[in-house]
Amino acid sequence: MAFGKVIAAVLLGLCVSMSSLAAEPVTPKLTDKLRGLLQEEMRSVQGAMTSIHSAMVMGKHQDVATHAQQIHDSFILQQSLTEQDRKDLMAAVPKGFVKLDKQFHKLAASLAKAGREQNTAEQRSLFNEMTGNCIQCHGQYVSNRFPDVKALDK
C-alpha cells in the first residue's frame, strides 16, 4: 500500500537524516497523536535495524528477511491512523520526506528478498543504503531533534 510507505518515510524522518540544507523540521508540525505513533514506529524500526545488523554478521538470513519485511510493512501507524490523522500527516510532511520514506521502504523490501536468498553481500549493501537514508532524513527533516547529524555527500 502506497500510504504505508508514506508512513514509513514519516517514521524514518523521526529517526534519521539527508542534505546539507536542512529543511524545516517536520516534528513540530505533527499532532500529539501522530508524534507519539511515529516515535513508537521509529523505535520499532531502530530495533529491527539493530536486529538485522546482528543477524547479518551471524549469517541468520531468515532473521534478516523477517526484520526487513517488518520495516517494509510498518504495522503500527497503518493500523492506528484515522482518516483525519492521514490528512494531518500529509499536511505536515513535504514531498522530499515522502520520497525518502518510499525509498527506505523499497530498500527494506529488497533487503528482505536478499535475506530470503541468503545473499550476504547484497544484504550489507542494502543495509548501508538504508542507514544512509536514515541519516539523510534525520539531517534534513528532524534536525531539531538531531542537530549533530550532518548531510552525506551523494
Protein backbone atom coordinates (compact mmCIF):
# COMPACT_ATOMS: atom_id res chain seq x y z
CA MET A 1 0.00 0.00 0.00
CA ALA A 2 1.48 3.37 -1.02
CA PHE A 3 0.19 5.06 2.11
CA GLY A 4 2.07 2.54 4.23
CA LYS A 5 5.23 3.64 2.51
CA VAL A 6 4.42 7.28 3.22
CA ILE A 7 4.00 6.38 6.85
CA ALA A 8 7.30 4.58 6.82
CA ALA A 9 9.01 7.65 5.39
CA VAL A 10 7.49 9.80 8.06
CA LEU A 11 8.68 7.38 10.67
CA LEU A 12 12.10 7.27 9.19
CA GLY A 13 12.26 11.03 9.40
CA LEU A 14 11.82 10.84 13.16
CA CYS A 15 14.93 8.69 13.41
CA VAL A 16 17.28 9.61 10.52
CA SER A 17 18.89 12.41 8.00
CA MET A 18 19.97 13.85 4.43
CA SER A 19 21.01 17.14 2.79
CA SER A 20 23.39 19.94 3.66
CA LEU A 21 20.48 22.39 3.63
CA ALA A 22 18.17 21.35 6.43
CA ALA A 23 14.51 21.73 5.61
CA GLU A 24 12.05 22.96 8.17
CA PRO A 25 11.69 20.20 10.78
CA VAL A 26 8.62 18.03 10.40
CA THR A 27 8.16 17.01 14.05
CA PRO A 28 6.71 20.34 15.30
CA LYS A 29 4.00 20.17 12.62
CA LEU A 30 2.68 16.82 13.82
CA THR A 31 -0.29 16.36 16.13
CA ASP A 32 0.48 14.84 19.52
CA LYS A 33 -1.08 11.55 18.41
CA LEU A 34 0.96 11.40 15.21
CA ARG A 35 4.15 12.32 17.02
CA GLY A 36 3.58 9.51 19.53
CA LEU A 37 2.76 6.95 16.85
CA LEU A 38 5.75 7.95 14.76
CA GLN A 39 8.08 7.76 17.73
CA GLU A 40 6.74 4.31 18.54
CA GLU A 41 7.26 3.26 14.93
CA MET A 42 10.77 4.69 14.87
CA ARG A 43 11.71 2.73 18.00
CA SER A 44 10.42 -0.34 16.19
CA VAL A 45 12.49 0.48 13.08
CA GLN A 46 15.56 1.12 15.23
CA GLY A 47 15.13 -2.24 16.96
CA ALA A 48 14.67 -4.01 13.65
CA MET A 49 17.78 -2.33 12.18
CA THR A 50 19.81 -3.46 15.21
CA SER A 51 18.46 -7.00 14.85
CA ILE A 52 19.23 -7.01 11.12
CA HIS A 53 22.83 -6.00 11.74
CA SER A 54 23.29 -8.78 14.29
CA ALA A 55 21.59 -11.32 12.06
CA MET A 56 23.73 -10.35 9.06
CA VAL A 57 27.02 -10.85 10.90
CA MET A 58 25.81 -14.21 12.24
CA GLY A 59 24.52 -15.46 8.89
CA LYS A 60 20.92 -15.64 10.12
CA HIS A 61 19.42 -14.87 6.75
CA GLN A 62 15.82 -15.65 7.69
CA ASP A 63 16.04 -13.20 10.61
CA VAL A 64 17.32 -10.53 8.20
CA ALA A 65 14.36 -11.24 5.92
CA THR A 66 11.85 -11.18 8.78
CA HIS A 67 13.02 -7.89 10.31
CA ALA A 68 13.42 -6.18 6.94
CA GLN A 69 9.90 -7.24 5.99
CA GLN A 70 8.61 -5.81 9.29
CA ILE A 71 10.21 -2.47 8.44
CA HIS A 72 8.70 -2.58 4.98
CA ASP A 73 5.22 -3.33 6.34
CA SER A 74 5.20 -0.67 9.13
CA PHE A 75 2.25 -2.05 11.01
CA ILE A 76 1.77 0.40 13.90
CA LEU A 77 0.89 3.56 12.01
CA GLN A 78 -1.02 1.87 9.25
CA GLN A 79 -3.33 0.24 11.76
CA SER A 80 -3.69 3.24 14.06
CA LEU A 81 -4.49 6.19 11.79
CA THR A 82 -7.92 7.67 11.29
CA GLU A 83 -8.80 9.47 8.06
CA GLN A 84 -8.18 12.80 9.84
CA ASP A 85 -4.79 11.54 11.07
CA ARG A 86 -3.88 10.70 7.48
CA LYS A 87 -4.82 14.20 6.34
CA ASP A 88 -2.85 15.77 9.20
CA LEU A 89 0.15 13.63 8.37
CA MET A 90 0.15 14.53 4.69
CA ALA A 91 -0.23 18.22 5.57
CA ALA A 92 2.82 18.04 7.86
CA VAL A 93 5.32 16.36 5.55
CA PRO A 94 6.95 17.74 2.37
CA LYS A 95 7.31 15.78 -0.88
CA GLY A 96 11.01 15.17 -0.26
CA PHE A 97 10.19 13.50 3.02
CA VAL A 98 7.70 11.21 1.33
CA LYS A 99 10.28 10.37 -1.35
CA LEU A 100 12.83 9.34 1.28
CA ASP A 101 10.21 7.21 3.02
CA LYS A 102 9.30 5.42 -0.19
CA GLN A 103 12.98 4.78 -0.91
CA PHE A 104 13.54 3.45 2.60
CA HIS A 105 10.65 1.00 2.39
CA LYS A 106 11.66 -0.12 -1.07
CA LEU A 107 15.15 -0.82 0.27
CA ALA A 108 13.64 -2.77 3.18
CA ALA A 109 11.68 -4.95 0.75
CA SER A 110 14.86 -5.57 -1.25
CA LEU A 111 16.73 -6.42 1.94
CA ALA A 112 14.04 -8.93 2.90
CA LYS A 113 14.47 -10.54 -0.52
CA ALA A 114 18.26 -10.64 -0.11
CA GLY A 115 17.76 -12.32 3.26
CA ARG A 116 15.48 -14.96 1.77
CA GLU A 117 18.08 -15.53 -0.98
CA GLN A 118 20.91 -15.73 1.59
CA ASN A 119 22.84 -13.07 -0.30
CA THR A 120 25.11 -11.58 2.36
CA ALA A 121 26.84 -9.10 0.05
CA GLU A 122 23.51 -7.68 -1.11
CA GLN A 123 22.24 -7.56 2.47
CA ARG A 124 25.25 -5.47 3.52
CA SER A 125 24.89 -3.12 0.57
CA LEU A 126 21.16 -2.57 1.15
CA PHE A 127 21.61 -2.16 4.90
CA ASN A 128 24.23 0.52 4.23
CA GLU A 129 21.85 2.30 1.85
CA MET A 130 19.06 2.16 4.42
CA THR A 131 21.37 3.61 7.06
CA GLY A 132 22.34 6.41 4.67
CA ASN A 133 18.68 7.08 4.01
CA CYS A 134 18.09 7.39 7.76
CA ILE A 135 20.96 9.84 8.11
CA GLN A 136 19.63 11.90 5.23
CA CYS A 137 16.12 12.07 6.63
CA HIS A 138 17.24 12.92 10.16
CA GLY A 139 19.59 15.62 8.95
CA GLN A 140 17.02 17.17 6.68
CA TYR A 141 13.68 16.73 8.40
CA VAL A 142 14.40 16.11 12.07
CA SER A 143 17.30 18.49 12.55
CA ASN A 144 15.62 19.95 15.62
CA ARG A 145 15.96 16.55 17.35
CA PHE A 146 19.27 15.55 15.78
CA PRO A 147 21.26 18.78 15.32
CA ASP A 148 24.62 16.99 15.02
CA VAL A 149 23.60 14.78 12.11
CA LYS A 150 25.45 16.03 9.04
CA ALA A 151 24.38 15.60 5.44
CA LEU A 152 26.00 12.92 3.34
CA ASP A 153 27.68 13.78 0.05
CA LYS A 154 25.96 11.84 -2.68
